[in-house]
Amino acid sequence: MDRHTAPSNAERPRAAHVSPRPSVLIAEHDTQSLDTMLAALAEAGYAVEYVKDGADALRMLKRMPPPLILVADEDLPRFGGFQLADLLSLTPGAIARYSAIVLTNSLGTALCPPMRCAPNTIFLEALVRPLRAAELLMALDLAACRLDGGIAPDVPGALNTGERAETPYPA
């Protein structure tokens, strides 16, 4: 379990009252995929922790404060990404505190994920490998936006007025 924090974007103009980015927990056992994600997220300014199996991810999820985005491989040892999202969805208040993105090798799985908890799930999206950094960052921004009540963080001009913006995902 390691922590990576990107340099701050202090010189970047920020809107008033914009929430900070949520922390990210990556659960991935493939070193190449993990390295790609860590580099992209560090460059984008996310605080990231990572583990290499599902049981370790579950332990970390219990210790990390929300808001939190889980990015997990569907084929992790001990608990896969969908199982982790399913278990985390059972946490009281999970919808407002967590989002999950699951990495898969199957387009069919991405189109029809095996979730038991819907519609009260924290699962947001399945991304199909090979993973591109731009797709991951877009999914993370959407997850962060959902956790912030529909208002995207770190977007100049996006004001957090306390009103919930309409999004295609349940809040």
N, C-alpha and C. Protein backbone atom coordinates (compact mmCIF):
# COMPACT_ATOMS: atom_id res chain seq x y z
N MET A 1 0.85 -1.15 0.00
CA MET A 1 0.00 0.00 0.00
C MET A 1 0.90 1.22 0.00
N ASP A 2 0.83 2.01 -1.05
CA ASP A 2 1.64 3.19 -1.18
C ASP A 2 0.76 4.38 -1.50
N ARG A 3 1.25 5.56 -1.18
CA ARG A 3 0.50 6.78 -1.42
C ARG A 3 1.27 7.64 -2.41
N HIS A 4 0.58 8.12 -3.41
CA HIS A 4 1.16 9.00 -4.41
C HIS A 4 0.33 10.27 -4.45
N THR A 5 0.98 11.41 -4.33
CA THR A 5 0.28 12.68 -4.41
C THR A 5 0.97 13.51 -5.47
N ALA A 6 0.19 14.04 -6.37
CA ALA A 6 0.74 14.87 -7.44
C ALA A 6 0.99 16.27 -6.92
N PRO A 7 1.86 17.01 -7.59
CA PRO A 7 2.07 18.39 -7.21
C PRO A 7 0.78 19.19 -7.35
N SER A 8 0.63 20.22 -6.54
CA SER A 8 -0.60 21.01 -6.60
C SER A 8 -0.60 21.87 -7.85
N ASN A 9 -1.79 22.23 -8.27
CA ASN A 9 -1.97 23.11 -9.42
C ASN A 9 -2.30 24.51 -8.93
N ALA A 10 -1.45 25.07 -8.05
CA ALA A 10 -1.73 26.35 -7.43
C ALA A 10 -1.85 27.47 -8.46
N GLU A 11 -1.10 27.36 -9.55
CA GLU A 11 -1.15 28.42 -10.55
C GLU A 11 -2.40 28.35 -11.42
N ARG A 12 -3.13 27.28 -11.36
CA ARG A 12 -4.34 27.10 -12.15
C ARG A 12 -5.49 27.89 -11.55
N PRO A 13 -6.24 28.67 -12.35
CA PRO A 13 -7.37 29.42 -11.78
C PRO A 13 -8.44 28.46 -11.29
N ARG A 14 -9.01 28.77 -10.13
CA ARG A 14 -10.02 27.90 -9.54
C ARG A 14 -11.27 28.71 -9.24
N ALA A 15 -12.41 28.08 -9.38
CA ALA A 15 -13.67 28.73 -9.03
C ALA A 15 -13.83 28.71 -7.51
N ALA A 16 -14.55 29.64 -7.00
CA ALA A 16 -14.79 29.71 -5.55
C ALA A 16 -15.64 28.54 -5.10
N HIS A 17 -15.34 28.00 -3.93
CA HIS A 17 -16.14 26.97 -3.28
C HIS A 17 -16.17 25.65 -4.02
N VAL A 18 -15.20 25.36 -4.86
CA VAL A 18 -15.16 24.08 -5.56
C VAL A 18 -14.53 23.05 -4.63
N SER A 19 -15.16 21.91 -4.49
CA SER A 19 -14.68 20.86 -3.60
C SER A 19 -13.38 20.27 -4.13
N PRO A 20 -12.52 19.81 -3.23
CA PRO A 20 -11.28 19.15 -3.66
C PRO A 20 -11.61 17.81 -4.32
N ARG A 21 -10.66 17.31 -5.08
CA ARG A 21 -10.87 16.01 -5.72
C ARG A 21 -10.95 14.92 -4.65
N PRO A 22 -11.80 13.93 -4.87
CA PRO A 22 -11.83 12.81 -3.93
C PRO A 22 -10.55 11.98 -4.05
N SER A 23 -10.25 11.22 -3.01
CA SER A 23 -9.13 10.29 -3.06
C SER A 23 -9.50 9.12 -3.96
N VAL A 24 -8.50 8.44 -4.46
CA VAL A 24 -8.71 7.29 -5.34
C VAL A 24 -7.98 6.09 -4.76
N LEU A 25 -8.66 4.96 -4.70
CA LEU A 25 -8.04 3.69 -4.36
C LEU A 25 -8.03 2.83 -5.61
N ILE A 26 -6.85 2.46 -6.06
CA ILE A 26 -6.71 1.55 -7.21
C ILE A 26 -6.46 0.16 -6.67
N ALA A 27 -7.25 -0.79 -7.11
CA ALA A 27 -7.05 -2.20 -6.77
C ALA A 27 -6.76 -2.92 -8.09
N GLU A 28 -5.48 -3.19 -8.33
CA GLU A 28 -5.04 -3.74 -9.61
C GLU A 28 -3.82 -4.62 -9.39
N HIS A 29 -3.85 -5.83 -9.93
CA HIS A 29 -2.70 -6.73 -9.75
C HIS A 29 -1.76 -6.74 -10.95
N ASP A 30 -2.16 -6.14 -12.05
CA ASP A 30 -1.31 -6.07 -13.24
C ASP A 30 -0.41 -4.83 -13.14
N THR A 31 0.91 -5.06 -13.07
CA THR A 31 1.86 -3.98 -12.84
C THR A 31 1.84 -2.94 -13.96
N GLN A 32 1.72 -3.36 -15.21
CA GLN A 32 1.71 -2.41 -16.32
C GLN A 32 0.49 -1.50 -16.25
N SER A 33 -0.69 -2.07 -16.01
CA SER A 33 -1.90 -1.26 -15.89
C SER A 33 -1.80 -0.32 -14.69
N LEU A 34 -1.29 -0.83 -13.59
CA LEU A 34 -1.14 -0.02 -12.38
C LEU A 34 -0.22 1.17 -12.64
N ASP A 35 0.92 0.94 -13.29
CA ASP A 35 1.86 2.02 -13.58
C ASP A 35 1.23 3.08 -14.48
N THR A 36 0.47 2.65 -15.48
CA THR A 36 -0.21 3.58 -16.39
C THR A 36 -1.20 4.45 -15.61
N MET A 37 -1.99 3.82 -14.74
CA MET A 37 -2.99 4.57 -13.98
C MET A 37 -2.32 5.52 -12.98
N LEU A 38 -1.29 5.07 -12.29
CA LEU A 38 -0.62 5.92 -11.31
C LEU A 38 -0.03 7.16 -11.97
N ALA A 39 0.58 7.00 -13.14
CA ALA A 39 1.17 8.13 -13.85
C ALA A 39 0.09 9.13 -14.27
N ALA A 40 -1.00 8.63 -14.83
CA ALA A 40 -2.07 9.52 -15.30
C ALA A 40 -2.73 10.26 -14.13
N LEU A 41 -2.97 9.56 -13.04
CA LEU A 41 -3.65 10.18 -11.90
C LEU A 41 -2.74 11.17 -11.17
N ALA A 42 -1.45 10.87 -11.08
CA ALA A 42 -0.52 11.81 -10.46
C ALA A 42 -0.46 13.09 -11.27
N GLU A 43 -0.41 12.95 -12.60
CA GLU A 43 -0.36 14.13 -13.46
C GLU A 43 -1.64 14.96 -13.35
N ALA A 44 -2.77 14.30 -13.11
CA ALA A 44 -4.05 15.00 -12.99
C ALA A 44 -4.29 15.56 -11.59
N GLY A 45 -3.41 15.24 -10.64
CA GLY A 45 -3.53 15.82 -9.31
C GLY A 45 -4.35 15.03 -8.31
N TYR A 46 -4.61 13.75 -8.59
CA TYR A 46 -5.36 12.93 -7.64
C TYR A 46 -4.43 12.35 -6.57
N ALA A 47 -4.91 12.27 -5.35
CA ALA A 47 -4.23 11.55 -4.28
C ALA A 47 -4.63 10.08 -4.43
N VAL A 48 -3.65 9.21 -4.58
CA VAL A 48 -3.92 7.81 -4.93
C VAL A 48 -3.25 6.86 -3.95
N GLU A 49 -3.98 5.83 -3.58
CA GLU A 49 -3.41 4.69 -2.86
C GLU A 49 -3.70 3.47 -3.73
N TYR A 50 -2.89 2.43 -3.59
CA TYR A 50 -3.16 1.23 -4.37
C TYR A 50 -2.84 -0.03 -3.59
N VAL A 51 -3.56 -1.07 -3.99
CA VAL A 51 -3.36 -2.42 -3.45
C VAL A 51 -3.43 -3.38 -4.62
N LYS A 52 -3.02 -4.63 -4.36
CA LYS A 52 -2.97 -5.60 -5.47
C LYS A 52 -3.93 -6.77 -5.32
N ASP A 53 -4.78 -6.76 -4.30
CA ASP A 53 -5.82 -7.80 -4.24
C ASP A 53 -7.07 -7.25 -3.56
N GLY A 54 -8.16 -7.97 -3.75
CA GLY A 54 -9.46 -7.51 -3.28
C GLY A 54 -9.60 -7.44 -1.77
N ALA A 55 -9.01 -8.37 -1.04
CA ALA A 55 -9.12 -8.34 0.42
C ALA A 55 -8.38 -7.13 0.99
N ASP A 56 -7.22 -6.82 0.42
CA ASP A 56 -6.50 -5.62 0.85
C ASP A 56 -7.30 -4.36 0.51
N ALA A 57 -7.96 -4.38 -0.64
CA ALA A 57 -8.79 -3.23 -1.04
C ALA A 57 -9.92 -3.03 -0.04
N LEU A 58 -10.55 -4.10 0.37
CA LEU A 58 -11.65 -4.00 1.34
C LEU A 58 -11.16 -3.41 2.66
N ARG A 59 -10.00 -3.84 3.11
CA ARG A 59 -9.42 -3.27 4.34
C ARG A 59 -9.12 -1.77 4.17
N MET A 60 -8.56 -1.39 3.03
CA MET A 60 -8.24 0.02 2.77
C MET A 60 -9.52 0.86 2.68
N LEU A 61 -10.55 0.32 2.05
CA LEU A 61 -11.80 1.06 1.90
C LEU A 61 -12.41 1.40 3.26
N LYS A 62 -12.20 0.51 4.23
CA LYS A 62 -12.73 0.76 5.57
C LYS A 62 -11.95 1.85 6.30
N ARG A 63 -10.69 2.07 5.90
CA ARG A 63 -9.84 3.05 6.58
C ARG A 63 -9.79 4.41 5.89
N MET A 64 -10.01 4.45 4.58
CA MET A 64 -9.89 5.71 3.84
C MET A 64 -11.15 6.55 4.01
N PRO A 65 -11.00 7.83 4.27
CA PRO A 65 -12.17 8.69 4.44
C PRO A 65 -12.82 9.04 3.10
N PRO A 66 -14.14 9.15 3.07
CA PRO A 66 -14.81 9.60 1.86
C PRO A 66 -14.64 11.11 1.69
N PRO A 67 -14.87 11.66 0.53
CA PRO A 67 -15.31 10.97 -0.69
C PRO A 67 -14.17 10.16 -1.29
N LEU A 68 -14.53 9.06 -1.89
CA LEU A 68 -13.54 8.11 -2.39
C LEU A 68 -14.04 7.48 -3.68
N ILE A 69 -13.12 7.33 -4.63
CA ILE A 69 -13.42 6.62 -5.87
C ILE A 69 -12.57 5.35 -5.88
N LEU A 70 -13.23 4.22 -6.07
CA LEU A 70 -12.57 2.93 -6.19
C LEU A 70 -12.41 2.62 -7.68
N VAL A 71 -11.19 2.30 -8.10
CA VAL A 71 -10.92 1.82 -9.45
C VAL A 71 -10.38 0.41 -9.27
N ALA A 72 -11.14 -0.59 -9.69
CA ALA A 72 -10.76 -1.97 -9.38
C ALA A 72 -10.88 -2.90 -10.58
N ASP A 73 -9.92 -3.79 -10.71
CA ASP A 73 -9.93 -4.83 -11.73
C ASP A 73 -11.02 -5.85 -11.37
N GLU A 74 -11.75 -6.30 -12.37
CA GLU A 74 -12.80 -7.28 -12.09
C GLU A 74 -12.24 -8.63 -11.68
N ASP A 75 -10.99 -8.91 -12.01
CA ASP A 75 -10.39 -10.23 -11.76
C ASP A 75 -9.33 -10.21 -10.67
N LEU A 76 -9.51 -9.41 -9.64
CA LEU A 76 -8.56 -9.37 -8.54
C LEU A 76 -8.58 -10.68 -7.76
N PRO A 77 -7.46 -11.05 -7.16
CA PRO A 77 -7.49 -12.18 -6.23
C PRO A 77 -8.38 -11.87 -5.03
N ARG A 78 -9.13 -12.82 -4.57
CA ARG A 78 -9.99 -12.81 -3.38
C ARG A 78 -11.31 -12.06 -3.53
N PHE A 79 -11.34 -10.84 -4.01
CA PHE A 79 -12.58 -10.11 -4.32
C PHE A 79 -12.35 -9.35 -5.61
N GLY A 80 -13.22 -9.51 -6.59
CA GLY A 80 -13.11 -8.75 -7.83
C GLY A 80 -13.72 -7.37 -7.68
N GLY A 81 -13.51 -6.54 -8.69
CA GLY A 81 -14.00 -5.17 -8.67
C GLY A 81 -15.51 -5.04 -8.50
N PHE A 82 -16.28 -5.89 -9.19
CA PHE A 82 -17.74 -5.83 -9.05
C PHE A 82 -18.15 -6.25 -7.64
N GLN A 83 -17.49 -7.26 -7.10
CA GLN A 83 -17.80 -7.68 -5.72
C GLN A 83 -17.48 -6.57 -4.72
N LEU A 84 -16.36 -5.89 -4.91
CA LEU A 84 -16.00 -4.79 -4.02
C LEU A 84 -17.03 -3.66 -4.09
N ALA A 85 -17.45 -3.32 -5.31
CA ALA A 85 -18.46 -2.27 -5.48
C ALA A 85 -19.77 -2.70 -4.83
N ASP A 86 -20.11 -3.95 -4.99
CA ASP A 86 -21.33 -4.49 -4.40
C ASP A 86 -21.28 -4.41 -2.87
N LEU A 87 -20.16 -4.82 -2.28
CA LEU A 87 -20.01 -4.79 -0.83
C LEU A 87 -20.01 -3.36 -0.30
N LEU A 88 -19.31 -2.48 -0.97
CA LEU A 88 -19.24 -1.09 -0.54
C LEU A 88 -20.60 -0.40 -0.67
N SER A 89 -21.40 -0.83 -1.64
CA SER A 89 -22.74 -0.27 -1.83
C SER A 89 -23.65 -0.53 -0.64
N LEU A 90 -23.34 -1.56 0.14
CA LEU A 90 -24.16 -1.90 1.30
C LEU A 90 -23.87 -1.02 2.51
N THR A 91 -22.80 -0.22 2.43
CA THR A 91 -22.44 0.69 3.51
C THR A 91 -23.49 1.80 3.60
N PRO A 92 -24.01 2.10 4.80
CA PRO A 92 -24.99 3.20 4.92
C PRO A 92 -24.41 4.51 4.39
N GLY A 93 -25.18 5.18 3.54
CA GLY A 93 -24.76 6.45 2.96
C GLY A 93 -23.75 6.32 1.85
N ALA A 94 -23.56 5.12 1.32
CA ALA A 94 -22.52 4.86 0.32
C ALA A 94 -22.68 5.71 -0.93
N ILE A 95 -23.89 5.92 -1.40
CA ILE A 95 -24.12 6.63 -2.66
C ILE A 95 -23.51 8.03 -2.61
N ALA A 96 -23.61 8.70 -1.50
CA ALA A 96 -23.08 10.06 -1.38
C ALA A 96 -21.59 10.08 -1.08
N ARG A 97 -21.00 8.93 -0.74
CA ARG A 97 -19.61 8.91 -0.28
C ARG A 97 -18.64 8.20 -1.20
N TYR A 98 -19.14 7.29 -2.05
CA TYR A 98 -18.26 6.46 -2.86
C TYR A 98 -18.75 6.33 -4.30
N SER A 99 -17.81 6.13 -5.21
CA SER A 99 -18.10 5.73 -6.59
C SER A 99 -17.13 4.63 -6.95
N ALA A 100 -17.52 3.76 -7.86
CA ALA A 100 -16.64 2.67 -8.27
C ALA A 100 -16.57 2.57 -9.79
N ILE A 101 -15.37 2.38 -10.27
CA ILE A 101 -15.10 2.15 -11.69
C ILE A 101 -14.42 0.79 -11.76
N VAL A 102 -14.93 -0.10 -12.59
CA VAL A 102 -14.38 -1.45 -12.68
C VAL A 102 -13.71 -1.63 -14.03
N LEU A 103 -12.52 -2.20 -14.02
CA LEU A 103 -11.76 -2.47 -15.23
C LEU A 103 -12.03 -3.91 -15.66
N THR A 104 -12.31 -4.06 -16.94
CA THR A 104 -12.65 -5.39 -17.46
C THR A 104 -11.96 -5.63 -18.80
N ASN A 105 -11.83 -6.89 -19.18
CA ASN A 105 -11.31 -7.24 -20.50
C ASN A 105 -12.42 -7.54 -21.48
N SER A 106 -13.67 -7.46 -21.03
CA SER A 106 -14.80 -7.89 -21.84
C SER A 106 -15.78 -6.75 -22.10
N LEU A 107 -16.04 -6.47 -23.36
CA LEU A 107 -17.02 -5.45 -23.72
C LEU A 107 -18.41 -5.87 -23.23
N GLY A 108 -18.71 -7.16 -23.30
CA GLY A 108 -20.00 -7.66 -22.82
C GLY A 108 -20.20 -7.38 -21.34
N THR A 109 -19.17 -7.57 -20.54
CA THR A 109 -19.25 -7.29 -19.11
C THR A 109 -19.43 -5.80 -18.87
N ALA A 110 -18.75 -4.98 -19.67
CA ALA A 110 -18.87 -3.53 -19.52
C ALA A 110 -20.29 -3.07 -19.84
N LEU A 111 -20.92 -3.69 -20.83
CA LEU A 111 -22.27 -3.29 -21.24
C LEU A 111 -23.35 -3.82 -20.31
N CYS A 112 -23.09 -4.95 -19.67
CA CYS A 112 -24.08 -5.56 -18.78
C CYS A 112 -23.39 -6.06 -17.52
N PRO A 113 -23.03 -5.13 -16.61
CA PRO A 113 -22.28 -5.52 -15.41
C PRO A 113 -23.12 -6.37 -14.46
N PRO A 114 -22.48 -7.30 -13.76
CA PRO A 114 -23.19 -8.21 -12.84
C PRO A 114 -23.39 -7.60 -11.46
N MET A 115 -24.21 -6.57 -11.36
CA MET A 115 -24.41 -5.91 -10.07
C MET A 115 -25.71 -6.38 -9.42
N ARG A 116 -25.65 -6.65 -8.13
CA ARG A 116 -26.84 -7.06 -7.38
C ARG A 116 -27.56 -5.88 -6.75
N CYS A 117 -26.84 -4.79 -6.44
CA CYS A 117 -27.39 -3.72 -5.63
C CYS A 117 -28.11 -2.63 -6.40
N ALA A 118 -28.06 -2.64 -7.73
CA ALA A 118 -28.69 -1.57 -8.50
C ALA A 118 -30.16 -1.44 -8.10
N PRO A 119 -30.74 -0.26 -8.01
CA PRO A 119 -30.20 1.04 -8.38
C PRO A 119 -29.41 1.73 -7.28
N ASN A 120 -29.30 1.15 -6.10
CA ASN A 120 -28.58 1.79 -5.01
C ASN A 120 -27.12 1.39 -4.98
N THR A 121 -26.48 1.39 -6.12
CA THR A 121 -25.10 0.95 -6.21
C THR A 121 -24.16 2.14 -6.35
N ILE A 122 -22.95 1.97 -5.88
CA ILE A 122 -21.93 2.99 -6.07
C ILE A 122 -21.24 2.78 -7.41
N PHE A 123 -21.52 1.64 -8.07
CA PHE A 123 -20.91 1.35 -9.37
C PHE A 123 -21.29 2.44 -10.36
N LEU A 124 -20.31 2.96 -11.05
CA LEU A 124 -20.56 4.03 -12.00
C LEU A 124 -20.33 3.60 -13.43
N GLU A 125 -19.20 2.92 -13.67
CA GLU A 125 -18.83 2.61 -15.04
C GLU A 125 -17.85 1.45 -15.08
N ALA A 126 -17.90 0.68 -16.19
CA ALA A 126 -16.88 -0.34 -16.45
C ALA A 126 -16.06 0.13 -17.64
N LEU A 127 -14.77 0.10 -17.51
CA LEU A 127 -13.87 0.49 -18.59
C LEU A 127 -13.22 -0.76 -19.15
N VAL A 128 -13.18 -0.85 -20.48
CA VAL A 128 -12.64 -2.02 -21.16
C VAL A 128 -11.17 -1.78 -21.50
N ARG A 129 -10.37 -2.80 -21.24
CA ARG A 129 -8.96 -2.75 -21.61
C ARG A 129 -8.81 -2.98 -23.11
N PRO A 130 -7.79 -2.45 -23.75
CA PRO A 130 -6.68 -1.70 -23.17
C PRO A 130 -7.16 -0.33 -22.69
N LEU A 131 -6.70 0.02 -21.51
CA LEU A 131 -7.12 1.25 -20.85
C LEU A 131 -6.34 2.44 -21.38
N ARG A 132 -7.07 3.50 -21.74
CA ARG A 132 -6.43 4.74 -22.15
C ARG A 132 -6.57 5.75 -21.02
N ALA A 133 -5.52 6.50 -20.79
CA ALA A 133 -5.50 7.46 -19.69
C ALA A 133 -6.66 8.45 -19.80
N ALA A 134 -6.97 8.91 -21.00
CA ALA A 134 -8.05 9.89 -21.18
C ALA A 134 -9.39 9.32 -20.75
N GLU A 135 -9.65 8.04 -21.04
CA GLU A 135 -10.90 7.41 -20.62
C GLU A 135 -10.98 7.29 -19.10
N LEU A 136 -9.88 6.92 -18.49
CA LEU A 136 -9.85 6.80 -17.04
C LEU A 136 -10.09 8.16 -16.39
N LEU A 137 -9.42 9.18 -16.88
CA LEU A 137 -9.59 10.52 -16.30
C LEU A 137 -11.00 11.04 -16.49
N MET A 138 -11.61 10.76 -17.64
CA MET A 138 -12.99 11.17 -17.87
C MET A 138 -13.94 10.46 -16.90
N ALA A 139 -13.72 9.17 -16.70
CA ALA A 139 -14.56 8.42 -15.76
C ALA A 139 -14.37 8.92 -14.33
N LEU A 140 -13.13 9.24 -13.96
CA LEU A 140 -12.87 9.77 -12.62
C LEU A 140 -13.51 11.15 -12.43
N ASP A 141 -13.43 11.98 -13.44
CA ASP A 141 -14.06 13.30 -13.34
C ASP A 141 -15.57 13.17 -13.19
N LEU A 142 -16.17 12.23 -13.91
CA LEU A 142 -17.61 11.99 -13.78
C LEU A 142 -17.94 11.48 -12.38
N ALA A 143 -17.12 10.57 -11.87
CA ALA A 143 -17.34 10.05 -10.51
C ALA A 143 -17.20 11.17 -9.48
N ALA A 144 -16.18 12.01 -9.64
CA ALA A 144 -15.99 13.13 -8.72
C ALA A 144 -17.16 14.10 -8.80
N CYS A 145 -17.65 14.33 -10.00
CA CYS A 145 -18.80 15.21 -10.21
C CYS A 145 -20.02 14.66 -9.49
N ARG A 146 -20.25 13.36 -9.60
CA ARG A 146 -21.38 12.73 -8.92
C ARG A 146 -21.27 12.85 -7.40
N LEU A 147 -20.07 12.64 -6.90
CA LEU A 147 -19.86 12.73 -5.45
C LEU A 147 -20.01 14.15 -4.94
N ASP A 148 -19.79 15.11 -5.81
CA ASP A 148 -19.90 16.52 -5.43
C ASP A 148 -21.29 17.07 -5.73
N GLY A 149 -22.26 16.19 -5.90
CA GLY A 149 -23.62 16.65 -6.16
C GLY A 149 -23.85 17.10 -7.58
N GLY A 150 -23.03 16.64 -8.52
CA GLY A 150 -23.24 16.97 -9.92
C GLY A 150 -22.44 18.16 -10.40
N ILE A 151 -21.56 18.70 -9.57
CA ILE A 151 -20.76 19.84 -9.96
C ILE A 151 -19.32 19.39 -10.04
N ALA A 152 -18.71 19.52 -11.21
CA ALA A 152 -17.37 19.00 -11.45
C ALA A 152 -16.33 19.80 -10.68
N PRO A 153 -15.42 19.10 -9.96
CA PRO A 153 -14.36 19.80 -9.25
C PRO A 153 -13.25 20.26 -10.19
N ASP A 154 -12.50 21.27 -9.78
CA ASP A 154 -11.34 21.77 -10.51
C ASP A 154 -11.66 22.21 -11.93
N VAL A 155 -12.87 22.64 -12.17
CA VAL A 155 -13.23 23.16 -13.48
C VAL A 155 -13.46 24.65 -13.32
N PRO A 156 -12.63 25.49 -13.94
CA PRO A 156 -12.82 26.92 -13.81
C PRO A 156 -14.24 27.31 -14.21
N GLY A 157 -14.89 28.08 -13.37
CA GLY A 157 -16.24 28.54 -13.66
C GLY A 157 -17.32 27.67 -13.07
N ALA A 158 -16.97 26.49 -12.55
CA ALA A 158 -17.98 25.61 -11.95
C ALA A 158 -18.15 26.01 -10.50
N LEU A 159 -19.24 26.62 -10.18
CA LEU A 159 -19.48 27.08 -8.82
C LEU A 159 -20.31 26.07 -8.06
N ASN A 160 -19.91 25.81 -6.84
CA ASN A 160 -20.67 24.93 -5.99
C ASN A 160 -21.65 25.79 -5.20
N THR A 161 -22.86 25.87 -5.71
CA THR A 161 -23.87 26.73 -5.09
C THR A 161 -24.67 26.00 -4.04
N GLY A 162 -24.39 24.73 -3.86
CA GLY A 162 -25.16 23.94 -2.90
C GLY A 162 -26.37 23.28 -3.54
N GLU A 163 -26.68 23.64 -4.77
CA GLU A 163 -27.79 23.00 -5.48
C GLU A 163 -27.25 21.81 -6.24
N ARG A 164 -28.06 20.78 -6.36
CA ARG A 164 -27.64 19.58 -7.07
C ARG A 164 -27.89 19.75 -8.56
N ALA A 165 -26.86 19.53 -9.34
CA ALA A 165 -27.02 19.57 -10.78
C ALA A 165 -27.61 18.26 -11.27
N GLU A 166 -28.30 18.29 -12.36
CA GLU A 166 -28.87 17.08 -12.93
C GLU A 166 -27.77 16.28 -13.61
N THR A 167 -27.66 15.00 -13.29
CA THR A 167 -26.71 14.11 -13.94
C THR A 167 -27.47 12.85 -14.33
N PRO A 168 -26.92 12.09 -15.30
CA PRO A 168 -27.60 10.86 -15.70
C PRO A 168 -27.44 9.73 -14.70
N TYR A 169 -26.73 9.97 -13.59
CA TYR A 169 -26.49 8.93 -12.62
C TYR A 169 -27.19 9.24 -11.33
N PRO A 170 -27.70 8.22 -10.64
CA PRO A 170 -28.38 8.48 -9.37
C PRO A 170 -27.40 9.01 -8.34
N ALA A 171 -27.84 9.93 -7.55
CA ALA A 171 -26.96 10.49 -6.52
C ALA A 171 -27.18 9.79 -5.20
